[in-house]
Amino acid sequence: MADIDLAALTLSLPEIDDDHADSVALWRAAAAAGPGEFTDRLAAFVTHLAEHFAREEALMTSVGYKDLPHHAGEHARTVAEARRFLDQAQAGRTMMARAWIADFVPDWFRRHVLMFDSEVARVVKLARGG
């Protein structure tokens, strides 16, 4: 399983960076969870993702971010996929959810931060006079 190098993904925007740190901590907890803990830790990660995305979308709205629909669509797709894996895990079928956490999430997270969130951070900083 690949790890997520959070330091390499810092955007110098505390409200996003702090949420990303929480995301990575919850992802690591789910990835490392034993059989008795996995579903609860996955649920915590999925809940956090949805809440983080809502905060990020509110931030984008506050600065009139022009690509909000596209970015929010990426969020919606990711949360829907995460919830499908959580539903499977809650039904006792954890193999695919574990694979998603271990193999998909690290690469997706890096790509999302670099391709989507970095542009949001740039626009927010400009809007704030930075």
N, C-alpha and C. Protein backbone atom coordinates (compact mmCIF):
# COMPACT_ATOMS: atom_id res chain seq x y z
N MET A 1 0.84 -1.18 0.00
CA MET A 1 0.00 0.00 0.00
C MET A 1 0.88 1.24 0.00
N ALA A 2 0.59 2.15 -0.89
CA ALA A 2 1.32 3.42 -0.95
C ALA A 2 0.85 4.34 0.17
N ASP A 3 1.76 5.15 0.66
CA ASP A 3 1.38 6.14 1.66
C ASP A 3 1.12 7.46 0.94
N ILE A 4 0.57 8.40 1.65
CA ILE A 4 0.32 9.74 1.12
C ILE A 4 1.31 10.68 1.79
N ASP A 5 2.13 11.34 0.98
CA ASP A 5 3.11 12.29 1.47
C ASP A 5 2.43 13.65 1.62
N LEU A 6 1.89 13.89 2.78
CA LEU A 6 1.12 15.11 3.03
C LEU A 6 1.96 16.36 2.86
N ALA A 7 3.22 16.32 3.26
CA ALA A 7 4.08 17.49 3.14
C ALA A 7 4.24 17.93 1.69
N ALA A 8 4.24 16.97 0.78
CA ALA A 8 4.38 17.30 -0.64
C ALA A 8 3.11 17.89 -1.24
N LEU A 9 2.02 17.81 -0.48
CA LEU A 9 0.72 18.27 -0.98
C LEU A 9 0.20 19.50 -0.25
N THR A 10 1.07 20.17 0.49
CA THR A 10 0.67 21.36 1.23
C THR A 10 0.36 22.50 0.26
N LEU A 11 -0.77 23.16 0.48
CA LEU A 11 -1.22 24.24 -0.39
C LEU A 11 -1.04 25.62 0.24
N SER A 12 -0.57 25.66 1.46
CA SER A 12 -0.40 26.91 2.21
C SER A 12 -1.71 27.68 2.35
N LEU A 13 -2.77 26.93 2.53
CA LEU A 13 -4.10 27.47 2.82
C LEU A 13 -4.62 26.63 3.98
N PRO A 14 -4.51 27.15 5.21
CA PRO A 14 -4.76 26.33 6.40
C PRO A 14 -6.09 25.60 6.42
N GLU A 15 -7.15 26.23 5.97
CA GLU A 15 -8.45 25.56 6.05
C GLU A 15 -8.50 24.31 5.18
N ILE A 16 -7.77 24.30 4.07
CA ILE A 16 -7.71 23.09 3.24
C ILE A 16 -6.63 22.15 3.76
N ASP A 17 -5.45 22.69 4.07
CA ASP A 17 -4.36 21.84 4.55
C ASP A 17 -4.74 21.09 5.83
N ASP A 18 -5.42 21.76 6.75
CA ASP A 18 -5.82 21.10 8.00
C ASP A 18 -6.82 19.98 7.72
N ASP A 19 -7.77 20.24 6.82
CA ASP A 19 -8.73 19.20 6.44
C ASP A 19 -8.02 18.03 5.77
N HIS A 20 -7.04 18.33 4.93
CA HIS A 20 -6.30 17.26 4.27
C HIS A 20 -5.53 16.43 5.29
N ALA A 21 -4.97 17.07 6.29
CA ALA A 21 -4.26 16.32 7.35
C ALA A 21 -5.21 15.38 8.07
N ASP A 22 -6.42 15.86 8.36
CA ASP A 22 -7.42 15.00 8.98
C ASP A 22 -7.82 13.86 8.05
N SER A 23 -7.96 14.17 6.75
CA SER A 23 -8.32 13.14 5.77
C SER A 23 -7.27 12.03 5.76
N VAL A 24 -6.01 12.42 5.73
CA VAL A 24 -4.93 11.43 5.66
C VAL A 24 -4.88 10.61 6.95
N ALA A 25 -5.06 11.25 8.08
CA ALA A 25 -5.05 10.51 9.35
C ALA A 25 -6.18 9.48 9.39
N LEU A 26 -7.36 9.86 8.93
CA LEU A 26 -8.49 8.93 8.92
C LEU A 26 -8.29 7.84 7.88
N TRP A 27 -7.71 8.18 6.73
CA TRP A 27 -7.40 7.18 5.72
C TRP A 27 -6.41 6.16 6.27
N ARG A 28 -5.34 6.65 6.92
CA ARG A 28 -4.34 5.74 7.48
C ARG A 28 -4.96 4.81 8.53
N ALA A 29 -5.86 5.36 9.34
CA ALA A 29 -6.52 4.54 10.35
C ALA A 29 -7.36 3.45 9.71
N ALA A 30 -8.06 3.78 8.66
CA ALA A 30 -8.87 2.77 7.96
C ALA A 30 -7.97 1.74 7.29
N ALA A 31 -6.92 2.20 6.64
CA ALA A 31 -6.02 1.30 5.93
C ALA A 31 -5.34 0.31 6.88
N ALA A 32 -5.06 0.74 8.09
CA ALA A 32 -4.35 -0.10 9.06
C ALA A 32 -5.29 -0.91 9.94
N ALA A 33 -6.57 -0.71 9.81
CA ALA A 33 -7.54 -1.32 10.73
C ALA A 33 -7.61 -2.83 10.57
N GLY A 34 -7.79 -3.46 11.71
CA GLY A 34 -8.03 -4.90 11.71
C GLY A 34 -9.49 -5.19 11.36
N PRO A 35 -9.83 -6.46 11.25
CA PRO A 35 -11.18 -6.83 10.83
C PRO A 35 -12.30 -6.25 11.72
N GLY A 36 -12.06 -6.15 13.01
CA GLY A 36 -13.08 -5.66 13.91
C GLY A 36 -13.26 -4.15 13.90
N GLU A 37 -12.30 -3.44 13.29
CA GLU A 37 -12.33 -1.97 13.31
C GLU A 37 -12.56 -1.36 11.93
N PHE A 38 -12.34 -2.15 10.89
CA PHE A 38 -12.28 -1.57 9.55
C PHE A 38 -13.54 -0.80 9.16
N THR A 39 -14.69 -1.37 9.35
CA THR A 39 -15.92 -0.72 8.88
C THR A 39 -16.14 0.61 9.60
N ASP A 40 -15.92 0.64 10.90
CA ASP A 40 -16.09 1.90 11.64
C ASP A 40 -15.08 2.95 11.19
N ARG A 41 -13.86 2.53 10.94
CA ARG A 41 -12.84 3.50 10.50
C ARG A 41 -13.10 3.97 9.07
N LEU A 42 -13.59 3.07 8.24
CA LEU A 42 -13.98 3.46 6.88
C LEU A 42 -15.14 4.46 6.95
N ALA A 43 -16.10 4.21 7.82
CA ALA A 43 -17.24 5.12 7.97
C ALA A 43 -16.77 6.51 8.42
N ALA A 44 -15.82 6.55 9.32
CA ALA A 44 -15.29 7.85 9.78
C ALA A 44 -14.61 8.58 8.63
N PHE A 45 -13.86 7.86 7.81
CA PHE A 45 -13.19 8.46 6.66
C PHE A 45 -14.22 8.99 5.65
N VAL A 46 -15.22 8.20 5.34
CA VAL A 46 -16.24 8.60 4.36
C VAL A 46 -17.02 9.81 4.87
N THR A 47 -17.39 9.81 6.14
CA THR A 47 -18.10 10.95 6.72
C THR A 47 -17.25 12.20 6.63
N HIS A 48 -15.98 12.07 7.00
CA HIS A 48 -15.08 13.22 6.93
C HIS A 48 -14.95 13.74 5.49
N LEU A 49 -14.82 12.83 4.52
CA LEU A 49 -14.70 13.26 3.12
C LEU A 49 -15.88 14.13 2.72
N ALA A 50 -17.08 13.66 3.02
CA ALA A 50 -18.28 14.42 2.65
C ALA A 50 -18.28 15.79 3.33
N GLU A 51 -17.91 15.83 4.60
CA GLU A 51 -17.88 17.11 5.33
C GLU A 51 -16.78 18.02 4.79
N HIS A 52 -15.61 17.46 4.52
CA HIS A 52 -14.51 18.23 3.96
C HIS A 52 -14.90 18.83 2.61
N PHE A 53 -15.50 18.01 1.76
CA PHE A 53 -15.90 18.50 0.45
C PHE A 53 -16.92 19.63 0.57
N ALA A 54 -17.84 19.51 1.51
CA ALA A 54 -18.83 20.58 1.72
C ALA A 54 -18.14 21.88 2.14
N ARG A 55 -17.17 21.77 3.04
CA ARG A 55 -16.43 22.97 3.46
C ARG A 55 -15.65 23.57 2.29
N GLU A 56 -15.02 22.71 1.51
CA GLU A 56 -14.24 23.19 0.37
C GLU A 56 -15.14 23.86 -0.67
N GLU A 57 -16.31 23.29 -0.91
CA GLU A 57 -17.24 23.88 -1.86
C GLU A 57 -17.78 25.22 -1.35
N ALA A 58 -17.99 25.34 -0.05
CA ALA A 58 -18.40 26.63 0.52
C ALA A 58 -17.30 27.67 0.32
N LEU A 59 -16.05 27.26 0.50
CA LEU A 59 -14.93 28.16 0.27
C LEU A 59 -14.89 28.60 -1.19
N MET A 60 -15.07 27.66 -2.10
CA MET A 60 -15.08 28.01 -3.52
C MET A 60 -16.22 28.98 -3.84
N THR A 61 -17.37 28.74 -3.27
CA THR A 61 -18.52 29.63 -3.48
C THR A 61 -18.20 31.03 -2.97
N SER A 62 -17.53 31.10 -1.83
CA SER A 62 -17.26 32.40 -1.22
C SER A 62 -16.35 33.29 -2.07
N VAL A 63 -15.56 32.67 -2.96
CA VAL A 63 -14.66 33.46 -3.81
C VAL A 63 -15.12 33.44 -5.28
N GLY A 64 -16.31 32.90 -5.53
CA GLY A 64 -16.82 32.87 -6.90
C GLY A 64 -16.00 31.99 -7.83
N TYR A 65 -15.54 30.87 -7.33
CA TYR A 65 -14.69 29.97 -8.10
C TYR A 65 -15.44 29.47 -9.34
N LYS A 66 -14.91 29.77 -10.52
CA LYS A 66 -15.63 29.51 -11.77
C LYS A 66 -15.74 28.02 -12.12
N ASP A 67 -14.84 27.21 -11.64
CA ASP A 67 -14.88 25.78 -11.95
C ASP A 67 -15.55 24.95 -10.84
N LEU A 68 -16.34 25.61 -10.01
CA LEU A 68 -17.02 24.91 -8.92
C LEU A 68 -17.85 23.73 -9.41
N PRO A 69 -18.66 23.86 -10.46
CA PRO A 69 -19.48 22.71 -10.87
C PRO A 69 -18.63 21.47 -11.20
N HIS A 70 -17.54 21.66 -11.90
CA HIS A 70 -16.68 20.54 -12.25
C HIS A 70 -16.03 19.93 -11.00
N HIS A 71 -15.51 20.77 -10.13
CA HIS A 71 -14.86 20.31 -8.91
C HIS A 71 -15.87 19.62 -8.00
N ALA A 72 -17.04 20.22 -7.85
CA ALA A 72 -18.08 19.61 -7.00
C ALA A 72 -18.54 18.28 -7.58
N GLY A 73 -18.55 18.17 -8.91
CA GLY A 73 -18.90 16.90 -9.53
C GLY A 73 -17.90 15.80 -9.18
N GLU A 74 -16.62 16.17 -9.16
CA GLU A 74 -15.58 15.22 -8.74
C GLU A 74 -15.81 14.80 -7.29
N HIS A 75 -16.15 15.75 -6.45
CA HIS A 75 -16.46 15.43 -5.05
C HIS A 75 -17.65 14.47 -4.97
N ALA A 76 -18.71 14.78 -5.68
CA ALA A 76 -19.92 13.96 -5.62
C ALA A 76 -19.64 12.53 -6.09
N ARG A 77 -18.89 12.38 -7.16
CA ARG A 77 -18.54 11.04 -7.65
C ARG A 77 -17.74 10.27 -6.60
N THR A 78 -16.80 10.96 -5.97
CA THR A 78 -15.94 10.29 -4.99
C THR A 78 -16.74 9.88 -3.77
N VAL A 79 -17.61 10.75 -3.28
CA VAL A 79 -18.42 10.40 -2.10
C VAL A 79 -19.37 9.26 -2.43
N ALA A 80 -19.98 9.28 -3.62
CA ALA A 80 -20.88 8.20 -4.00
C ALA A 80 -20.13 6.86 -4.05
N GLU A 81 -18.95 6.87 -4.62
CA GLU A 81 -18.14 5.65 -4.68
C GLU A 81 -17.76 5.19 -3.28
N ALA A 82 -17.32 6.13 -2.44
CA ALA A 82 -16.94 5.79 -1.07
C ALA A 82 -18.12 5.19 -0.31
N ARG A 83 -19.29 5.75 -0.50
CA ARG A 83 -20.49 5.23 0.19
C ARG A 83 -20.86 3.83 -0.31
N ARG A 84 -20.64 3.57 -1.59
CA ARG A 84 -20.90 2.21 -2.09
C ARG A 84 -19.97 1.20 -1.41
N PHE A 85 -18.70 1.57 -1.29
CA PHE A 85 -17.76 0.66 -0.60
C PHE A 85 -18.11 0.53 0.88
N LEU A 86 -18.53 1.60 1.50
CA LEU A 86 -18.95 1.54 2.90
C LEU A 86 -20.17 0.63 3.04
N ASP A 87 -21.14 0.76 2.14
CA ASP A 87 -22.32 -0.11 2.19
C ASP A 87 -21.90 -1.58 2.10
N GLN A 88 -20.97 -1.89 1.21
CA GLN A 88 -20.49 -3.27 1.08
C GLN A 88 -19.84 -3.72 2.39
N ALA A 89 -19.00 -2.88 2.96
CA ALA A 89 -18.32 -3.24 4.20
C ALA A 89 -19.33 -3.46 5.33
N GLN A 90 -20.33 -2.60 5.39
CA GLN A 90 -21.35 -2.75 6.44
C GLN A 90 -22.17 -4.02 6.26
N ALA A 91 -22.20 -4.53 5.03
CA ALA A 91 -22.90 -5.79 4.76
C ALA A 91 -21.97 -6.99 4.96
N GLY A 92 -20.74 -6.74 5.44
CA GLY A 92 -19.82 -7.82 5.72
C GLY A 92 -18.89 -8.17 4.57
N ARG A 93 -18.97 -7.42 3.48
CA ARG A 93 -18.11 -7.67 2.31
C ARG A 93 -17.06 -6.57 2.26
N THR A 94 -15.91 -6.82 2.87
CA THR A 94 -14.89 -5.78 3.02
C THR A 94 -13.75 -5.84 2.00
N MET A 95 -13.65 -6.92 1.24
CA MET A 95 -12.49 -7.08 0.36
C MET A 95 -12.34 -5.92 -0.62
N MET A 96 -13.39 -5.54 -1.30
CA MET A 96 -13.29 -4.47 -2.29
C MET A 96 -13.08 -3.11 -1.60
N ALA A 97 -13.70 -2.91 -0.46
CA ALA A 97 -13.51 -1.65 0.27
C ALA A 97 -12.07 -1.52 0.73
N ARG A 98 -11.49 -2.61 1.19
CA ARG A 98 -10.08 -2.57 1.60
C ARG A 98 -9.18 -2.28 0.40
N ALA A 99 -9.48 -2.87 -0.74
CA ALA A 99 -8.69 -2.60 -1.94
C ALA A 99 -8.82 -1.15 -2.36
N TRP A 100 -10.02 -0.60 -2.26
CA TRP A 100 -10.26 0.81 -2.61
C TRP A 100 -9.42 1.71 -1.71
N ILE A 101 -9.47 1.44 -0.41
CA ILE A 101 -8.70 2.25 0.56
C ILE A 101 -7.20 2.13 0.28
N ALA A 102 -6.72 0.92 0.07
CA ALA A 102 -5.28 0.69 -0.06
C ALA A 102 -4.73 1.12 -1.41
N ASP A 103 -5.48 0.88 -2.48
CA ASP A 103 -4.93 1.06 -3.82
C ASP A 103 -5.44 2.30 -4.55
N PHE A 104 -6.69 2.63 -4.37
CA PHE A 104 -7.26 3.75 -5.12
C PHE A 104 -7.06 5.09 -4.41
N VAL A 105 -7.39 5.15 -3.14
CA VAL A 105 -7.42 6.43 -2.42
C VAL A 105 -6.08 7.17 -2.46
N PRO A 106 -4.94 6.54 -2.21
CA PRO A 106 -3.69 7.33 -2.23
C PRO A 106 -3.44 8.03 -3.56
N ASP A 107 -3.61 7.32 -4.66
CA ASP A 107 -3.39 7.94 -5.98
C ASP A 107 -4.44 9.00 -6.28
N TRP A 108 -5.70 8.69 -5.96
CA TRP A 108 -6.77 9.66 -6.19
C TRP A 108 -6.51 10.93 -5.39
N PHE A 109 -6.13 10.78 -4.12
CA PHE A 109 -5.92 11.93 -3.25
C PHE A 109 -4.82 12.84 -3.82
N ARG A 110 -3.70 12.24 -4.20
CA ARG A 110 -2.61 13.03 -4.78
C ARG A 110 -3.07 13.77 -6.04
N ARG A 111 -3.71 13.05 -6.93
CA ARG A 111 -4.18 13.69 -8.17
C ARG A 111 -5.18 14.80 -7.89
N HIS A 112 -6.10 14.55 -6.97
CA HIS A 112 -7.13 15.55 -6.66
C HIS A 112 -6.50 16.82 -6.10
N VAL A 113 -5.58 16.67 -5.17
CA VAL A 113 -4.94 17.85 -4.58
C VAL A 113 -4.15 18.60 -5.65
N LEU A 114 -3.38 17.88 -6.43
CA LEU A 114 -2.53 18.54 -7.42
C LEU A 114 -3.31 19.13 -8.60
N MET A 115 -4.36 18.46 -9.03
CA MET A 115 -5.09 18.91 -10.22
C MET A 115 -6.26 19.83 -9.89
N PHE A 116 -6.89 19.65 -8.75
CA PHE A 116 -8.09 20.42 -8.42
C PHE A 116 -7.83 21.42 -7.29
N ASP A 117 -7.39 20.92 -6.15
CA ASP A 117 -7.29 21.77 -4.96
C ASP A 117 -6.20 22.83 -5.07
N SER A 118 -5.14 22.53 -5.80
CA SER A 118 -4.09 23.54 -5.94
C SER A 118 -4.60 24.78 -6.67
N GLU A 119 -5.47 24.58 -7.63
CA GLU A 119 -6.05 25.73 -8.34
C GLU A 119 -7.02 26.48 -7.44
N VAL A 120 -7.79 25.77 -6.64
CA VAL A 120 -8.68 26.42 -5.67
C VAL A 120 -7.85 27.29 -4.73
N ALA A 121 -6.77 26.74 -4.22
CA ALA A 121 -5.92 27.50 -3.29
C ALA A 121 -5.37 28.75 -3.96
N ARG A 122 -4.95 28.63 -5.20
CA ARG A 122 -4.42 29.80 -5.92
C ARG A 122 -5.49 30.89 -6.04
N VAL A 123 -6.69 30.51 -6.41
CA VAL A 123 -7.78 31.48 -6.59
C VAL A 123 -8.18 32.09 -5.26
N VAL A 124 -8.25 31.29 -4.21
CA VAL A 124 -8.61 31.81 -2.89
C VAL A 124 -7.57 32.82 -2.42
N LYS A 125 -6.30 32.49 -2.59
CA LYS A 125 -5.24 33.41 -2.18
C LYS A 125 -5.32 34.73 -2.97
N LEU A 126 -5.57 34.66 -4.25
CA LEU A 126 -5.73 35.87 -5.05
C LEU A 126 -6.92 36.70 -4.57
N ALA A 127 -8.02 36.02 -4.29
CA ALA A 127 -9.23 36.72 -3.83
C ALA A 127 -8.99 37.40 -2.49
N ARG A 128 -8.10 36.85 -1.70
CA ARG A 128 -7.78 37.42 -0.38
C ARG A 128 -6.64 38.44 -0.46
N GLY A 129 -6.20 38.72 -1.66
CA GLY A 129 -5.14 39.70 -1.83
C GLY A 129 -3.75 39.14 -1.69
N GLY A 130 -3.63 37.82 -1.77
CA GLY A 130 -2.30 37.22 -1.58
C GLY A 130 -1.61 36.81 -2.82
